[in-house]
């Protein structure tokens, strides 16, 4: 279980911004990874926030994510190996409900579990 909390601030100009709270110790930079289609997103930045233990995260949306359908980004706490949050982009035809987004989120979480299980198997052999 992660001690970190992720809160969305805004999404504009192709950059998703959020606040991470609960980082232990002043200046203790949290380790996070943002995944899109089972690949880490490059260019993610963390800057120290105004409050103690607060960090601002900026996630640039890659051009390949701008396509028809549902695109889901998942943000992980590297230290705890848990999901902090996610955000979804939907483009193309209007969607009556967001069931596709939920399925994409489940796929992303399943991919995370597969990686963790494989890592566990490698470490215990």
N, C-alpha and C. Protein backbone atom coordinates (compact mmCIF):
# COMPACT_ATOMS: atom_id res chain seq x y z
N UNK A 1 0.84 -1.18 0.00
CA UNK A 1 0.00 0.00 0.00
C UNK A 1 0.89 1.24 0.00
N UNK A 2 0.56 2.21 -0.82
CA UNK A 2 1.36 3.42 -0.96
C UNK A 2 0.90 4.49 0.03
N UNK A 3 1.87 5.25 0.54
CA UNK A 3 1.56 6.39 1.39
C UNK A 3 1.28 7.64 0.55
N UNK A 4 1.53 7.55 -0.75
CA UNK A 4 1.36 8.70 -1.64
C UNK A 4 -0.08 8.82 -2.09
N UNK A 5 -0.49 10.06 -2.32
CA UNK A 5 -1.82 10.36 -2.83
C UNK A 5 -1.68 11.21 -4.08
N UNK A 6 -2.37 10.85 -5.15
CA UNK A 6 -2.32 11.59 -6.41
C UNK A 6 -3.63 12.33 -6.61
N UNK A 7 -3.54 13.63 -6.92
CA UNK A 7 -4.71 14.45 -7.18
C UNK A 7 -4.52 15.17 -8.50
N UNK A 8 -5.50 15.07 -9.38
CA UNK A 8 -5.43 15.76 -10.67
C UNK A 8 -5.55 17.26 -10.46
N UNK A 9 -4.73 18.01 -11.18
CA UNK A 9 -4.83 19.47 -11.17
C UNK A 9 -5.54 19.93 -12.43
N UNK A 10 -4.99 19.55 -13.59
CA UNK A 10 -5.60 19.94 -14.87
C UNK A 10 -4.98 19.15 -16.01
N UNK A 11 -5.62 19.25 -17.18
CA UNK A 11 -5.09 18.67 -18.41
C UNK A 11 -5.25 19.74 -19.48
N UNK A 12 -4.13 20.25 -19.97
CA UNK A 12 -4.20 21.28 -21.01
C UNK A 12 -2.92 21.26 -21.82
N UNK A 13 -3.04 21.69 -23.06
CA UNK A 13 -1.91 21.77 -23.98
C UNK A 13 -1.14 20.45 -24.07
N UNK A 14 -1.84 19.35 -23.98
CA UNK A 14 -1.22 18.04 -24.12
C UNK A 14 -0.44 17.56 -22.92
N UNK A 15 -0.60 18.24 -21.78
CA UNK A 15 0.12 17.85 -20.56
C UNK A 15 -0.89 17.65 -19.43
N UNK A 16 -0.85 16.44 -18.84
CA UNK A 16 -1.68 16.14 -17.68
C UNK A 16 -0.87 16.52 -16.45
N UNK A 17 -1.47 17.28 -15.54
CA UNK A 17 -0.77 17.74 -14.35
C UNK A 17 -1.50 17.27 -13.10
N UNK A 18 -0.71 16.87 -12.10
CA UNK A 18 -1.27 16.43 -10.84
C UNK A 18 -0.37 16.75 -9.67
N UNK A 19 -0.87 16.51 -8.48
CA UNK A 19 -0.11 16.74 -7.25
C UNK A 19 0.02 15.42 -6.50
N UNK A 20 1.24 15.11 -6.11
CA UNK A 20 1.50 13.93 -5.29
C UNK A 20 1.76 14.42 -3.87
N UNK A 21 1.00 13.91 -2.93
CA UNK A 21 1.13 14.28 -1.52
C UNK A 21 1.56 13.06 -0.73
N UNK A 22 2.21 13.32 0.41
CA UNK A 22 2.55 12.25 1.33
C UNK A 22 3.94 11.68 1.17
N UNK A 23 4.80 12.35 0.38
CA UNK A 23 6.19 11.88 0.25
C UNK A 23 6.88 12.07 1.59
N UNK A 24 7.51 11.03 2.08
CA UNK A 24 8.14 11.10 3.41
C UNK A 24 9.40 11.93 3.37
N UNK A 25 9.53 12.80 4.35
CA UNK A 25 10.72 13.64 4.49
C UNK A 25 10.71 14.80 3.52
N UNK A 26 11.24 15.91 3.98
CA UNK A 26 11.34 17.09 3.14
C UNK A 26 12.37 16.85 2.04
N UNK A 27 11.97 17.06 0.80
CA UNK A 27 12.87 16.89 -0.32
C UNK A 27 13.00 15.46 -0.80
N UNK A 28 12.28 14.52 -0.18
CA UNK A 28 12.34 13.12 -0.59
C UNK A 28 11.54 12.96 -1.87
N UNK A 29 12.23 12.84 -2.98
CA UNK A 29 11.59 12.74 -4.29
C UNK A 29 10.95 11.36 -4.46
N UNK A 30 9.64 11.31 -4.71
CA UNK A 30 9.00 10.00 -4.90
C UNK A 30 9.37 9.42 -6.26
N UNK A 31 9.43 8.11 -6.33
CA UNK A 31 9.66 7.44 -7.60
C UNK A 31 8.34 7.06 -8.21
N UNK A 32 8.04 7.60 -9.38
CA UNK A 32 6.80 7.25 -10.06
C UNK A 32 7.11 6.85 -11.49
N UNK A 33 6.23 6.03 -12.04
CA UNK A 33 6.30 5.63 -13.44
C UNK A 33 4.92 5.79 -14.04
N UNK A 34 4.87 6.36 -15.24
CA UNK A 34 3.61 6.49 -15.96
C UNK A 34 3.68 5.54 -17.15
N UNK A 35 2.69 4.66 -17.25
CA UNK A 35 2.67 3.65 -18.31
C UNK A 35 1.54 3.93 -19.29
N UNK A 36 1.85 3.72 -20.58
CA UNK A 36 0.86 3.81 -21.65
C UNK A 36 1.12 2.63 -22.57
N UNK A 37 0.12 1.81 -22.78
CA UNK A 37 0.22 0.60 -23.59
C UNK A 37 1.42 -0.25 -23.16
N UNK A 38 1.54 -0.44 -21.85
CA UNK A 38 2.58 -1.28 -21.24
C UNK A 38 4.00 -0.78 -21.49
N UNK A 39 4.13 0.52 -21.79
CA UNK A 39 5.44 1.14 -21.99
C UNK A 39 5.52 2.41 -21.12
N UNK A 40 6.68 2.68 -20.53
CA UNK A 40 6.80 3.92 -19.75
C UNK A 40 6.74 5.15 -20.64
N UNK A 41 6.09 6.18 -20.14
CA UNK A 41 6.00 7.46 -20.86
C UNK A 41 7.25 8.27 -20.56
N UNK A 42 7.88 8.78 -21.59
CA UNK A 42 9.09 9.59 -21.39
C UNK A 42 8.72 11.05 -21.21
N UNK A 43 9.59 11.79 -20.58
CA UNK A 43 9.39 13.22 -20.39
C UNK A 43 8.56 13.60 -19.17
N UNK A 44 8.23 12.63 -18.31
CA UNK A 44 7.47 12.92 -17.09
C UNK A 44 8.37 13.71 -16.15
N UNK A 45 7.85 14.80 -15.61
CA UNK A 45 8.66 15.63 -14.71
C UNK A 45 8.00 15.72 -13.33
N UNK A 46 8.86 15.79 -12.31
CA UNK A 46 8.43 16.00 -10.93
C UNK A 46 9.13 17.24 -10.42
N UNK A 47 8.36 18.18 -9.90
CA UNK A 47 8.95 19.36 -9.28
C UNK A 47 8.38 19.49 -7.87
N UNK A 48 9.22 19.97 -6.98
CA UNK A 48 8.80 20.09 -5.58
C UNK A 48 7.68 21.11 -5.45
N UNK A 49 6.64 20.74 -4.71
CA UNK A 49 5.49 21.61 -4.49
C UNK A 49 5.72 22.56 -3.34
N UNK A 50 4.70 23.33 -3.01
CA UNK A 50 4.82 24.31 -1.94
C UNK A 50 4.71 23.70 -0.56
N UNK A 51 3.87 22.67 -0.41
CA UNK A 51 3.70 22.03 0.89
C UNK A 51 4.76 20.97 1.13
N UNK A 52 5.00 20.65 2.39
CA UNK A 52 5.97 19.62 2.72
C UNK A 52 5.47 18.26 2.25
N UNK A 53 6.30 17.55 1.52
CA UNK A 53 5.92 16.25 0.99
C UNK A 53 5.07 16.31 -0.27
N UNK A 54 4.88 17.51 -0.82
CA UNK A 54 4.09 17.68 -2.05
C UNK A 54 5.01 17.79 -3.26
N UNK A 55 4.62 17.12 -4.33
CA UNK A 55 5.34 17.17 -5.59
C UNK A 55 4.34 17.37 -6.72
N UNK A 56 4.74 18.14 -7.72
CA UNK A 56 3.89 18.36 -8.89
C UNK A 56 4.42 17.47 -10.02
N UNK A 57 3.51 16.74 -10.63
CA UNK A 57 3.89 15.83 -11.72
C UNK A 57 3.26 16.34 -13.01
N UNK A 58 4.05 16.32 -14.09
CA UNK A 58 3.57 16.72 -15.41
C UNK A 58 3.84 15.56 -16.37
N UNK A 59 2.78 15.10 -17.02
CA UNK A 59 2.87 13.97 -17.93
C UNK A 59 2.55 14.46 -19.35
N UNK A 60 3.55 14.53 -20.23
CA UNK A 60 3.26 14.90 -21.61
C UNK A 60 2.60 13.73 -22.34
N UNK A 61 1.50 14.00 -23.01
CA UNK A 61 0.80 12.94 -23.74
C UNK A 61 1.51 12.76 -25.08
N UNK A 62 2.03 11.55 -25.35
CA UNK A 62 2.74 11.33 -26.61
C UNK A 62 1.79 11.37 -27.81
N UNK A 63 2.32 11.73 -28.96
CA UNK A 63 1.51 11.87 -30.17
C UNK A 63 0.80 10.57 -30.53
N UNK A 64 1.43 9.42 -30.26
CA UNK A 64 0.80 8.15 -30.62
C UNK A 64 -0.45 7.85 -29.78
N UNK A 65 -0.65 8.59 -28.70
CA UNK A 65 -1.85 8.41 -27.88
C UNK A 65 -3.04 9.17 -28.45
N UNK A 66 -2.79 10.03 -29.40
CA UNK A 66 -3.87 10.81 -30.00
C UNK A 66 -4.41 10.03 -31.19
N UNK A 67 -5.33 9.13 -30.90
CA UNK A 67 -5.90 8.25 -31.91
C UNK A 67 -7.33 7.90 -31.54
N UNK A 68 -8.05 7.35 -32.49
CA UNK A 68 -9.41 6.90 -32.20
C UNK A 68 -9.41 5.87 -31.09
N UNK A 69 -10.44 5.93 -30.27
CA UNK A 69 -10.58 4.94 -29.22
C UNK A 69 -10.22 5.47 -27.85
N UNK A 70 -10.01 4.55 -26.94
CA UNK A 70 -9.74 4.86 -25.55
C UNK A 70 -8.26 4.63 -25.27
N UNK A 71 -7.60 5.63 -24.73
CA UNK A 71 -6.18 5.54 -24.38
C UNK A 71 -6.07 5.78 -22.88
N UNK A 72 -5.48 4.84 -22.15
CA UNK A 72 -5.40 4.93 -20.70
C UNK A 72 -3.95 5.03 -20.25
N UNK A 73 -3.69 5.96 -19.36
CA UNK A 73 -2.38 6.14 -18.74
C UNK A 73 -2.51 5.77 -17.28
N UNK A 74 -1.57 4.99 -16.77
CA UNK A 74 -1.61 4.54 -15.38
C UNK A 74 -0.35 5.03 -14.68
N UNK A 75 -0.52 5.61 -13.50
CA UNK A 75 0.59 6.19 -12.73
C UNK A 75 0.85 5.29 -11.53
N UNK A 76 2.11 4.83 -11.40
CA UNK A 76 2.51 3.88 -10.36
C UNK A 76 3.49 4.51 -9.39
N UNK A 77 3.40 4.09 -8.13
CA UNK A 77 4.40 4.39 -7.10
C UNK A 77 5.44 3.29 -7.20
N UNK A 78 6.67 3.65 -7.61
CA UNK A 78 7.72 2.65 -7.79
C UNK A 78 8.09 1.95 -6.48
N UNK A 79 8.14 2.70 -5.39
CA UNK A 79 8.58 2.14 -4.11
C UNK A 79 7.61 1.08 -3.60
N UNK A 80 6.32 1.37 -3.67
CA UNK A 80 5.31 0.43 -3.15
C UNK A 80 4.84 -0.54 -4.23
N UNK A 81 5.11 -0.23 -5.49
CA UNK A 81 4.65 -1.08 -6.58
C UNK A 81 3.14 -1.08 -6.74
N UNK A 82 2.50 0.04 -6.39
CA UNK A 82 1.05 0.14 -6.47
C UNK A 82 0.63 1.26 -7.41
N UNK A 83 -0.62 1.18 -7.84
CA UNK A 83 -1.17 2.19 -8.73
C UNK A 83 -1.61 3.41 -7.91
N UNK A 84 -1.14 4.59 -8.31
CA UNK A 84 -1.56 5.83 -7.65
C UNK A 84 -2.82 6.39 -8.30
N UNK A 85 -2.92 6.24 -9.60
CA UNK A 85 -4.07 6.79 -10.31
C UNK A 85 -3.94 6.56 -11.79
N UNK A 86 -4.84 7.16 -12.53
CA UNK A 86 -4.83 7.01 -13.98
C UNK A 86 -5.60 8.15 -14.61
N UNK A 87 -5.44 8.29 -15.91
CA UNK A 87 -6.29 9.19 -16.68
C UNK A 87 -6.49 8.59 -18.05
N UNK A 88 -7.62 8.94 -18.66
CA UNK A 88 -8.04 8.33 -19.91
C UNK A 88 -8.37 9.40 -20.94
N UNK A 89 -7.95 9.15 -22.17
CA UNK A 89 -8.31 10.00 -23.30
C UNK A 89 -9.23 9.21 -24.21
N UNK A 90 -10.32 9.83 -24.64
CA UNK A 90 -11.24 9.19 -25.57
C UNK A 90 -11.36 10.10 -26.78
N UNK A 91 -11.08 9.55 -27.95
CA UNK A 91 -11.15 10.34 -29.18
C UNK A 91 -11.95 9.56 -30.22
N UNK A 92 -12.41 10.28 -31.20
CA UNK A 92 -13.18 9.63 -32.26
C UNK A 92 -14.66 9.74 -31.98
N UNK A 93 -15.37 8.68 -32.30
CA UNK A 93 -16.81 8.68 -32.12
C UNK A 93 -17.18 8.86 -30.65
N UNK A 94 -18.28 9.55 -30.40
CA UNK A 94 -18.74 9.76 -29.04
C UNK A 94 -19.08 8.42 -28.39
N UNK A 95 -18.78 8.31 -27.13
CA UNK A 95 -19.01 7.08 -26.40
C UNK A 95 -20.22 7.28 -25.49
N UNK A 96 -21.19 6.36 -25.60
CA UNK A 96 -22.40 6.46 -24.78
C UNK A 96 -22.08 6.26 -23.30
N UNK A 97 -21.15 5.37 -23.00
CA UNK A 97 -20.70 5.19 -21.62
C UNK A 97 -19.21 4.91 -21.67
N UNK A 98 -18.58 4.87 -20.54
CA UNK A 98 -17.13 4.73 -20.51
C UNK A 98 -16.69 3.30 -20.19
N UNK A 99 -17.45 2.32 -20.64
CA UNK A 99 -17.11 0.93 -20.40
C UNK A 99 -15.76 0.58 -21.04
N UNK A 100 -15.49 1.14 -22.22
CA UNK A 100 -14.21 0.86 -22.87
C UNK A 100 -13.06 1.38 -22.02
N UNK A 101 -13.24 2.52 -21.38
CA UNK A 101 -12.18 3.06 -20.52
C UNK A 101 -11.92 2.13 -19.34
N UNK A 102 -12.97 1.58 -18.77
CA UNK A 102 -12.81 0.64 -17.66
C UNK A 102 -12.08 -0.62 -18.09
N UNK A 103 -12.39 -1.13 -19.29
CA UNK A 103 -11.71 -2.32 -19.79
C UNK A 103 -10.23 -2.01 -20.02
N UNK A 104 -9.92 -0.85 -20.57
CA UNK A 104 -8.53 -0.46 -20.78
C UNK A 104 -7.79 -0.36 -19.45
N UNK A 105 -8.44 0.19 -18.43
CA UNK A 105 -7.84 0.29 -17.11
C UNK A 105 -7.57 -1.09 -16.53
N UNK A 106 -8.52 -2.00 -16.68
CA UNK A 106 -8.31 -3.37 -16.21
C UNK A 106 -7.15 -4.03 -16.94
N UNK A 107 -7.03 -3.79 -18.23
CA UNK A 107 -5.90 -4.35 -18.99
C UNK A 107 -4.58 -3.81 -18.46
N UNK A 108 -4.53 -2.51 -18.19
CA UNK A 108 -3.29 -1.90 -17.68
C UNK A 108 -2.93 -2.48 -16.31
N UNK A 109 -3.91 -2.67 -15.45
CA UNK A 109 -3.64 -3.25 -14.14
C UNK A 109 -3.22 -4.71 -14.25
N UNK A 110 -3.81 -5.44 -15.18
CA UNK A 110 -3.41 -6.83 -15.40
C UNK A 110 -1.97 -6.90 -15.89
N UNK A 111 -1.58 -5.98 -16.78
CA UNK A 111 -0.19 -5.94 -17.24
C UNK A 111 0.76 -5.66 -16.09
N UNK A 112 0.37 -4.77 -15.16
CA UNK A 112 1.20 -4.47 -13.99
C UNK A 112 1.34 -5.72 -13.12
N UNK A 113 0.25 -6.45 -12.92
CA UNK A 113 0.30 -7.68 -12.12
C UNK A 113 1.17 -8.74 -12.78
N UNK A 114 1.10 -8.85 -14.09
CA UNK A 114 1.94 -9.82 -14.80
C UNK A 114 3.41 -9.49 -14.61
N UNK A 115 3.77 -8.21 -14.72
CA UNK A 115 5.17 -7.80 -14.53
C UNK A 115 5.62 -8.11 -13.11
N UNK A 116 4.77 -7.79 -12.13
CA UNK A 116 5.14 -8.04 -10.73
C UNK A 116 5.29 -9.54 -10.47
N UNK A 117 4.41 -10.35 -11.04
CA UNK A 117 4.49 -11.80 -10.84
C UNK A 117 5.75 -12.36 -11.48
N UNK A 118 6.07 -11.91 -12.69
CA UNK A 118 7.30 -12.38 -13.35
C UNK A 118 8.53 -11.98 -12.56
N UNK A 119 8.55 -10.75 -12.04
CA UNK A 119 9.67 -10.28 -11.24
C UNK A 119 9.79 -11.13 -9.98
N UNK A 120 8.67 -11.44 -9.35
CA UNK A 120 8.66 -12.26 -8.16
C UNK A 120 9.21 -13.66 -8.47
N UNK A 121 8.79 -14.24 -9.57
CA UNK A 121 9.27 -15.57 -9.95
C UNK A 121 10.78 -15.57 -10.19
N UNK A 122 11.28 -14.52 -10.82
CA UNK A 122 12.72 -14.42 -11.07
C UNK A 122 13.50 -14.27 -9.78
N UNK A 123 12.95 -13.52 -8.84
CA UNK A 123 13.65 -13.26 -7.58
C UNK A 123 13.64 -14.47 -6.66
N UNK A 124 12.65 -15.35 -6.78
CA UNK A 124 12.55 -16.48 -5.86
C UNK A 124 13.19 -17.76 -6.40
N UNK A 125 13.70 -17.71 -7.65
CA UNK A 125 14.35 -18.92 -8.18
C UNK A 125 15.84 -18.89 -7.97
